[in-house]
Amino acid sequence: MSYQLIKRCSVVAGFAILLSGCSVFSSSDAPQVGERSEQCRRNPGSCMYNGKYEPGERAYAEREAARLNRESLERLRRRAG
């Protein structure tokens, strides 16, 4: 084996080890996406942000929510008829 091939394999193996290590340290106590979504459906207030916003962040969040609501409405209208 050439030195470059060994070096490449070592880099790939190191990267794989790094990625697997990251998954070990991820929080298993945090609710998964589906669980969080279900929790928000049952109690919408638990998913609301009540802290301070950065300058312009609140306006952006409201515009983005309005845009997403319009897109959802359009999808519903297309499906309905």
PDB file of N, CA and C in Angstrom:
ATOM      1  N   MET A   1       0.832  -1.174   0.000  1.00  0.00           N
ATOM      2  CA  MET A   1       0.000   0.000   0.000  1.00  0.00           C
ATOM      3  C   MET A   1       0.880   1.242   0.000  1.00  0.00           C
ATOM      4  N   SER A   2       0.414   2.220  -0.708  1.00  0.00           N
ATOM      5  CA  SER A   2       1.175   3.459  -0.750  1.00  0.00           C
ATOM      6  C   SER A   2       0.852   4.306   0.486  1.00  0.00           C
ATOM      7  N   TYR A   3       1.724   5.202   0.775  1.00  0.00           N
ATOM      8  CA  TYR A   3       1.562   6.092   1.929  1.00  0.00           C
ATOM      9  C   TYR A   3       0.306   6.953   1.777  1.00  0.00           C
ATOM     10  N   GLN A   4       0.027   7.436   0.559  1.00  0.00           N
ATOM     11  CA  GLN A   4      -1.155   8.284   0.332  1.00  0.00           C
ATOM     12  C   GLN A   4      -2.443   7.510   0.583  1.00  0.00           C
ATOM     13  N   LEU A   5      -2.496   6.242   0.182  1.00  0.00           N
ATOM     14  CA  LEU A   5      -3.695   5.433   0.389  1.00  0.00           C
ATOM     15  C   LEU A   5      -3.934   5.208   1.881  1.00  0.00           C
ATOM     16  N   ILE A   6      -2.877   4.923   2.617  1.00  0.00           N
ATOM     17  CA  ILE A   6      -2.994   4.730   4.061  1.00  0.00           C
ATOM     18  C   ILE A   6      -3.464   6.030   4.719  1.00  0.00           C
ATOM     19  N   LYS A   7      -2.918   7.142   4.277  1.00  0.00           N
ATOM     20  CA  LYS A   7      -3.290   8.439   4.827  1.00  0.00           C
ATOM     21  C   LYS A   7      -4.772   8.724   4.560  1.00  0.00           C
ATOM     22  N   ARG A   8      -5.229   8.447   3.346  1.00  0.00           N
ATOM     23  CA  ARG A   8      -6.638   8.673   3.003  1.00  0.00           C
ATOM     24  C   ARG A   8      -7.557   7.801   3.847  1.00  0.00           C
ATOM     25  N   CYS A   9      -7.192   6.537   3.991  1.00  0.00           N
ATOM     26  CA  CYS A   9      -8.005   5.623   4.799  1.00  0.00           C
ATOM     27  C   CYS A   9      -8.057   6.079   6.252  1.00  0.00           C
ATOM     28  N   SER A  10      -6.944   6.586   6.750  1.00  0.00           N
ATOM     29  CA  SER A  10      -6.902   7.076   8.130  1.00  0.00           C
ATOM     30  C   SER A  10      -7.817   8.285   8.305  1.00  0.00           C
ATOM     31  N   VAL A  11      -7.802   9.172   7.338  1.00  0.00           N
ATOM     32  CA  VAL A  11      -8.660  10.358   7.405  1.00  0.00           C
ATOM     33  C   VAL A  11     -10.132   9.946   7.379  1.00  0.00           C
ATOM     34  N   VAL A  12     -10.488   9.030   6.501  1.00  0.00           N
ATOM     35  CA  VAL A  12     -11.875   8.558   6.406  1.00  0.00           C
ATOM     36  C   VAL A  12     -12.282   7.866   7.700  1.00  0.00           C
ATOM     37  N   ALA A  13     -11.414   7.016   8.242  1.00  0.00           N
ATOM     38  CA  ALA A  13     -11.726   6.317   9.491  1.00  0.00           C
ATOM     39  C   ALA A  13     -11.874   7.316  10.641  1.00  0.00           C
ATOM     40  N   GLY A  14     -11.003   8.293  10.699  1.00  0.00           N
ATOM     41  CA  GLY A  14     -11.089   9.311  11.745  1.00  0.00           C
ATOM     42  C   GLY A  14     -12.384  10.097  11.659  1.00  0.00           C
ATOM     43  N   PHE A  15     -12.788  10.435  10.439  1.00  0.00           N
ATOM     44  CA  PHE A  15     -14.035  11.165  10.243  1.00  0.00           C
ATOM     45  C   PHE A  15     -15.227  10.314  10.678  1.00  0.00           C
ATOM     46  N   ALA A  16     -15.202   9.019  10.346  1.00  0.00           N
ATOM     47  CA  ALA A  16     -16.283   8.118  10.747  1.00  0.00           C
ATOM     48  C   ALA A  16     -16.359   8.006  12.267  1.00  0.00           C
ATOM     49  N   ILE A  17     -15.211   7.930  12.914  1.00  0.00           N
ATOM     50  CA  ILE A  17     -15.183   7.854  14.377  1.00  0.00           C
ATOM     51  C   ILE A  17     -15.728   9.138  14.987  1.00  0.00           C
ATOM     52  N   LEU A  18     -15.351  10.264  14.412  1.00  0.00           N
ATOM     53  CA  LEU A  18     -15.839  11.554  14.900  1.00  0.00           C
ATOM     54  C   LEU A  18     -17.355  11.638  14.792  1.00  0.00           C
ATOM     55  N   LEU A  19     -17.898  11.230  13.665  1.00  0.00           N
ATOM     56  CA  LEU A  19     -19.350  11.268  13.475  1.00  0.00           C
ATOM     57  C   LEU A  19     -20.071  10.324  14.426  1.00  0.00           C
ATOM     58  N   SER A  20     -19.527   9.137  14.633  1.00  0.00           N
ATOM     59  CA  SER A  20     -20.183   8.197  15.544  1.00  0.00           C
ATOM     60  C   SER A  20     -20.100   8.702  16.976  1.00  0.00           C
ATOM     61  N   GLY A  21     -19.029   9.386  17.319  1.00  0.00           N
ATOM     62  CA  GLY A  21     -18.909   9.958  18.657  1.00  0.00           C
ATOM     63  C   GLY A  21     -19.925  11.047  18.894  1.00  0.00           C
ATOM     64  N   CYS A  22     -20.239  11.825  17.876  1.00  0.00           N
ATOM     65  CA  CYS A  22     -21.235  12.886  18.018  1.00  0.00           C
ATOM     66  C   CYS A  22     -22.604  12.307  18.320  1.00  0.00           C
ATOM     67  N   SER A  23     -22.945  11.181  17.721  1.00  0.00           N
ATOM     68  CA  SER A  23     -24.255  10.601  17.955  1.00  0.00           C
ATOM     69  C   SER A  23     -24.363  10.013  19.357  1.00  0.00           C
ATOM     70  N   VAL A  24     -23.236   9.608  19.945  1.00  0.00           N
ATOM     71  CA  VAL A  24     -23.252   9.073  21.298  1.00  0.00           C
ATOM     72  C   VAL A  24     -23.580  10.161  22.301  1.00  0.00           C
ATOM     73  N   PHE A  25     -23.088  11.381  22.051  1.00  0.00           N
ATOM     74  CA  PHE A  25     -23.274  12.466  22.989  1.00  0.00           C
ATOM     75  C   PHE A  25     -24.555  13.249  22.762  1.00  0.00           C
ATOM     76  N   SER A  26     -25.353  12.894  21.772  1.00  0.00           N
ATOM     77  CA  SER A  26     -26.601  13.620  21.553  1.00  0.00           C
ATOM     78  C   SER A  26     -27.566  13.294  22.681  1.00  0.00           C
ATOM     79  N   SER A  27     -28.410  14.237  22.998  1.00  0.00           N
ATOM     80  CA  SER A  27     -29.320  14.093  24.128  1.00  0.00           C
ATOM     81  C   SER A  27     -30.463  13.155  23.781  1.00  0.00           C
ATOM     82  N   SER A  28     -30.563  12.057  24.506  1.00  0.00           N
ATOM     83  CA  SER A  28     -31.665  11.133  24.275  1.00  0.00           C
ATOM     84  C   SER A  28     -32.892  11.548  25.072  1.00  0.00           C
ATOM     85  N   ASP A  29     -32.722  12.512  26.008  1.00  0.00           N
ATOM     86  CA  ASP A  29     -33.848  12.985  26.798  1.00  0.00           C
ATOM     87  C   ASP A  29     -34.699  13.993  26.036  1.00  0.00           C
ATOM     88  N   ALA A  30     -34.126  14.626  25.026  1.00  0.00           N
ATOM     89  CA  ALA A  30     -34.859  15.625  24.258  1.00  0.00           C
ATOM     90  C   ALA A  30     -35.941  14.938  23.436  1.00  0.00           C
ATOM     91  N   PRO A  31     -37.125  15.534  23.346  1.00  0.00           N
ATOM     92  CA  PRO A  31     -38.193  14.922  22.556  1.00  0.00           C
ATOM     93  C   PRO A  31     -37.831  14.891  21.072  1.00  0.00           C
ATOM     94  N   GLN A  32     -38.195  13.827  20.422  1.00  0.00           N
ATOM     95  CA  GLN A  32     -37.945  13.695  18.994  1.00  0.00           C
ATOM     96  C   GLN A  32     -38.914  14.601  18.241  1.00  0.00           C
ATOM     97  N   VAL A  33     -38.671  14.779  16.944  1.00  0.00           N
ATOM     98  CA  VAL A  33     -39.458  15.708  16.145  1.00  0.00           C
ATOM     99  C   VAL A  33     -40.941  15.361  16.196  1.00  0.00           C
ATOM    100  N   GLY A  34     -41.293  14.113  15.998  1.00  0.00           N
ATOM    101  CA  GLY A  34     -42.695  13.705  16.022  1.00  0.00           C
ATOM    102  C   GLY A  34     -43.334  13.902  17.381  1.00  0.00           C
ATOM    103  N   GLU A  35     -42.564  13.585  18.435  1.00  0.00           N
ATOM    104  CA  GLU A  35     -43.066  13.765  19.790  1.00  0.00           C
ATOM    105  C   GLU A  35     -43.291  15.243  20.089  1.00  0.00           C
ATOM    106  N   ARG A  36     -42.357  16.076  19.682  1.00  0.00           N
ATOM    107  CA  ARG A  36     -42.468  17.519  19.932  1.00  0.00           C
ATOM    108  C   ARG A  36     -43.674  18.086  19.187  1.00  0.00           C
ATOM    109  N   SER A  37     -43.866  17.632  17.954  1.00  0.00           N
ATOM    110  CA  SER A  37     -45.000  18.094  17.160  1.00  0.00           C
ATOM    111  C   SER A  37     -46.320  17.716  17.830  1.00  0.00           C
ATOM    112  N   GLU A  38     -46.390  16.505  18.325  1.00  0.00           N
ATOM    113  CA  GLU A  38     -47.603  16.046  19.003  1.00  0.00           C
ATOM    114  C   GLU A  38     -47.828  16.837  20.283  1.00  0.00           C
ATOM    115  N   GLN A  39     -46.753  17.122  21.010  1.00  0.00           N
ATOM    116  CA  GLN A  39     -46.850  17.912  22.229  1.00  0.00           C
ATOM    117  C   GLN A  39     -47.386  19.308  21.918  1.00  0.00           C
ATOM    118  N   CYS A  40     -46.932  19.901  20.826  1.00  0.00           N
ATOM    119  CA  CYS A  40     -47.395  21.240  20.451  1.00  0.00           C
ATOM    120  C   CYS A  40     -48.855  21.228  20.025  1.00  0.00           C
ATOM    121  N   ARG A  41     -49.295  20.145  19.410  1.00  0.00           N
ATOM    122  CA  ARG A  41     -50.707  20.048  19.034  1.00  0.00           C
ATOM    123  C   ARG A  41     -51.595  19.976  20.267  1.00  0.00           C
ATOM    124  N   ARG A  42     -51.159  19.212  21.274  1.00  0.00           N
ATOM    125  CA  ARG A  42     -51.957  19.065  22.490  1.00  0.00           C
ATOM    126  C   ARG A  42     -51.950  20.329  23.339  1.00  0.00           C
ATOM    127  N   ASN A  43     -50.794  21.013  23.394  1.00  0.00           N
ATOM    128  CA  ASN A  43     -50.672  22.199  24.235  1.00  0.00           C
ATOM    129  C   ASN A  43     -49.850  23.250  23.496  1.00  0.00           C
ATOM    130  N   PRO A  44     -50.468  24.027  22.606  1.00  0.00           N
ATOM    131  CA  PRO A  44     -49.727  25.003  21.798  1.00  0.00           C
ATOM    132  C   PRO A  44     -48.943  26.012  22.624  1.00  0.00           C
ATOM    133  N   GLY A  45     -49.420  26.360  23.793  1.00  0.00           N
ATOM    134  CA  GLY A  45     -48.721  27.329  24.635  1.00  0.00           C
ATOM    135  C   GLY A  45     -47.342  26.853  25.069  1.00  0.00           C
ATOM    136  N   SER A  46     -47.147  25.535  25.136  1.00  0.00           N
ATOM    137  CA  SER A  46     -45.854  25.009  25.563  1.00  0.00           C
ATOM    138  C   SER A  46     -44.779  25.204  24.490  1.00  0.00           C
ATOM    139  N   CYS A  47     -45.184  25.520  23.279  1.00  0.00           N
ATOM    140  CA  CYS A  47     -44.226  25.686  22.185  1.00  0.00           C
ATOM    141  C   CYS A  47     -43.982  27.152  21.842  1.00  0.00           C
ATOM    142  N   MET A  48     -44.623  28.042  22.571  1.00  0.00           N
ATOM    143  CA  MET A  48     -44.462  29.469  22.306  1.00  0.00           C
ATOM    144  C   MET A  48     -43.196  29.980  22.969  1.00  0.00           C
ATOM    145  N   TYR A  49     -42.513  30.878  22.295  1.00  0.00           N
ATOM    146  CA  TYR A  49     -41.309  31.499  22.832  1.00  0.00           C
ATOM    147  C   TYR A  49     -41.712  32.747  23.607  1.00  0.00           C
ATOM    148  N   ASN A  50     -41.322  32.830  24.853  1.00  0.00           N
ATOM    149  CA  ASN A  50     -41.717  33.957  25.690  1.00  0.00           C
ATOM    150  C   ASN A  50     -40.539  34.848  26.076  1.00  0.00           C
ATOM    151  N   GLY A  51     -39.376  34.596  25.535  1.00  0.00           N
ATOM    152  CA  GLY A  51     -38.200  35.384  25.877  1.00  0.00           C
ATOM    153  C   GLY A  51     -38.081  36.633  25.023  1.00  0.00           C
ATOM    154  N   LYS A  52     -36.952  37.332  25.172  1.00  0.00           N
ATOM    155  CA  LYS A  52     -36.711  38.544  24.400  1.00  0.00           C
ATOM    156  C   LYS A  52     -36.273  38.180  22.986  1.00  0.00           C
ATOM    157  N   TYR A  53     -36.618  39.042  22.045  1.00  0.00           N
ATOM    158  CA  TYR A  53     -36.210  38.870  20.664  1.00  0.00           C
ATOM    159  C   TYR A  53     -35.046  39.802  20.358  1.00  0.00           C
ATOM    160  N   GLU A  54     -34.249  39.403  19.387  1.00  0.00           N
ATOM    161  CA  GLU A  54     -33.219  40.298  18.890  1.00  0.00           C
ATOM    162  C   GLU A  54     -33.900  41.342  18.010  1.00  0.00           C
ATOM    163  N   PRO A  55     -33.247  42.474  17.737  1.00  0.00           N
ATOM    164  CA  PRO A  55     -33.869  43.505  16.889  1.00  0.00           C
ATOM    165  C   PRO A  55     -34.286  42.929  15.532  1.00  0.00           C
ATOM    166  N   GLY A  56     -35.548  43.106  15.193  1.00  0.00           N
ATOM    167  CA  GLY A  56     -36.065  42.652  13.905  1.00  0.00           C
ATOM    168  C   GLY A  56     -36.466  41.188  13.873  1.00  0.00           C
ATOM    169  N   GLU A  57     -36.134  40.424  14.901  1.00  0.00           N
ATOM    170  CA  GLU A  57     -36.417  38.992  14.889  1.00  0.00           C
ATOM    171  C   GLU A  57     -37.916  38.713  15.000  1.00  0.00           C
ATOM    172  N   ARG A  58     -38.605  39.470  15.836  1.00  0.00           N
ATOM    173  CA  ARG A  58     -40.044  39.250  16.012  1.00  0.00           C
ATOM    174  C   ARG A  58     -40.799  39.518  14.714  1.00  0.00           C
ATOM    175  N   ALA A  59     -40.465  40.615  14.046  1.00  0.00           N
ATOM    176  CA  ALA A  59     -41.122  40.940  12.777  1.00  0.00           C
ATOM    177  C   ALA A  59     -40.843  39.856  11.742  1.00  0.00           C
ATOM    178  N   TYR A  60     -39.596  39.369  11.702  1.00  0.00           N
ATOM    179  CA  TYR A  60     -39.254  38.299  10.768  1.00  0.00           C
ATOM    180  C   TYR A  60     -40.068  37.043  11.081  1.00  0.00           C
ATOM    181  N   ALA A  61     -40.165  36.683  12.364  1.00  0.00           N
ATOM    182  CA  ALA A  61     -40.909  35.486  12.744  1.00  0.00           C
ATOM    183  C   ALA A  61     -42.380  35.599  12.358  1.00  0.00           C
ATOM    184  N   GLU A  62     -42.947  36.778  12.542  1.00  0.00           N
ATOM    185  CA  GLU A  62     -44.349  36.969  12.176  1.00  0.00           C
ATOM    186  C   GLU A  62     -44.550  36.905  10.665  1.00  0.00           C
ATOM    187  N   ARG A  63     -43.627  37.506   9.903  1.00  0.00           N
ATOM    188  CA  ARG A  63     -43.719  37.428   8.430  1.00  0.00           C
ATOM    189  C   ARG A  63     -43.575  35.984   7.955  1.00  0.00           C
ATOM    190  N   GLU A  64     -42.637  35.264   8.546  1.00  0.00           N
ATOM    191  CA  GLU A  64     -42.407  33.871   8.153  1.00  0.00           C
ATOM    192  C   GLU A  64     -43.626  33.012   8.495  1.00  0.00           C
ATOM    193  N   ALA A  65     -44.219  33.228   9.663  1.00  0.00           N
ATOM    194  CA  ALA A  65     -45.416  32.478  10.040  1.00  0.00           C
ATOM    195  C   ALA A  65     -46.556  32.766   9.074  1.00  0.00           C
ATOM    196  N   ALA A  66     -46.726  34.030   8.709  1.00  0.00           N
ATOM    197  CA  ALA A  66     -47.776  34.390   7.751  1.00  0.00           C
ATOM    198  C   ALA A  66     -47.524  33.727   6.398  1.00  0.00           C
ATOM    199  N   ARG A  67     -46.269  33.717   5.957  1.00  0.00           N
ATOM    200  CA  ARG A  67     -45.927  33.084   4.674  1.00  0.00           C
ATOM    201  C   ARG A  67     -46.237  31.591   4.720  1.00  0.00           C
ATOM    202  N   LEU A  68     -45.842  30.920   5.796  1.00  0.00           N
ATOM    203  CA  LEU A  68     -46.100  29.483   5.921  1.00  0.00           C
ATOM    204  C   LEU A  68     -47.601  29.203   5.978  1.00  0.00           C
ATOM    205  N   ASN A  69     -48.352  30.063   6.650  1.00  0.00           N
ATOM    206  CA  ASN A  69     -49.807  29.886   6.695  1.00  0.00           C
ATOM    207  C   ASN A  69     -50.424  30.042   5.311  1.00  0.00           C
ATOM    208  N   ARG A  70     -49.946  31.022   4.526  1.00  0.00           N
ATOM    209  CA  ARG A  70     -50.454  31.197   3.158  1.00  0.00           C
ATOM    210  C   ARG A  70     -50.145  29.973   2.308  1.00  0.00           C
ATOM    211  N   GLU A  71     -48.926  29.443   2.426  1.00  0.00           N
ATOM    212  CA  GLU A  71     -48.559  28.253   1.656  1.00  0.00           C
ATOM    213  C   GLU A  71     -49.435  27.062   2.025  1.00  0.00           C
ATOM    214  N   SER A  72     -49.695  26.891   3.327  1.00  0.00           N
ATOM    215  CA  SER A  72     -50.556  25.793   3.767  1.00  0.00           C
ATOM    216  C   SER A  72     -51.966  25.958   3.220  1.00  0.00           C
ATOM    217  N   LEU A  73     -52.472  27.174   3.242  1.00  0.00           N
ATOM    218  CA  LEU A  73     -53.805  27.443   2.721  1.00  0.00           C
ATOM    219  C   LEU A  73     -53.873  27.143   1.230  1.00  0.00           C
ATOM    220  N   GLU A  74     -52.846  27.531   0.488  1.00  0.00           N
ATOM    221  CA  GLU A  74     -52.812  27.244  -0.953  1.00  0.00           C
ATOM    222  C   GLU A  74     -52.786  25.741  -1.222  1.00  0.00           C
ATOM    223  N   ARG A  75     -51.998  24.994  -0.430  1.00  0.00           N
ATOM    224  CA  ARG A  75     -51.964  23.536  -0.595  1.00  0.00           C
ATOM    225  C   ARG A  75     -53.334  22.934  -0.333  1.00  0.00           C
ATOM    226  N   LEU A  76     -54.012  23.401   0.714  1.00  0.00           N
ATOM    227  CA  LEU A  76     -55.350  22.901   1.022  1.00  0.00           C
ATOM    228  C   LEU A  76     -56.322  23.216  -0.110  1.00  0.00           C
ATOM    229  N   ARG A  77     -56.245  24.419  -0.655  1.00  0.00           N
ATOM    230  CA  ARG A  77     -57.131  24.803  -1.760  1.00  0.00           C
ATOM    231  C   ARG A  77     -56.868  23.949  -2.998  1.00  0.00           C
ATOM    232  N   ARG A  78     -55.601  23.682  -3.288  1.00  0.00           N
ATOM    233  CA  ARG A  78     -55.281  22.840  -4.462  1.00  0.00           C
ATOM    234  C   ARG A  78     -55.808  21.432  -4.282  1.00  0.00           C
ATOM    235  N   ARG A  79     -55.702  20.896  -3.079  1.00  0.00           N
ATOM    236  CA  ARG A  79     -56.182  19.529  -2.806  1.00  0.00           C
ATOM    237  C   ARG A  79     -57.702  19.470  -2.845  1.00  0.00           C
ATOM    238  N   ALA A  80     -58.344  20.540  -2.417  1.00  0.00           N
ATOM    239  CA  ALA A  80     -59.810  20.523  -2.334  1.00  0.00           C
ATOM    240  C   ALA A  80     -60.473  20.673  -3.709  1.00  0.00           C
ATOM    241  N   GLY A  81     -59.759  21.262  -4.609  1.00  0.00           N
ATOM    242  CA  GLY A  81     -60.518  21.389  -5.826  1.00  0.00           C
ATOM    243  C   GLY A  81     -59.834  21.974  -6.953  1.00  0.00           C
TER     244      GLY A  81
END
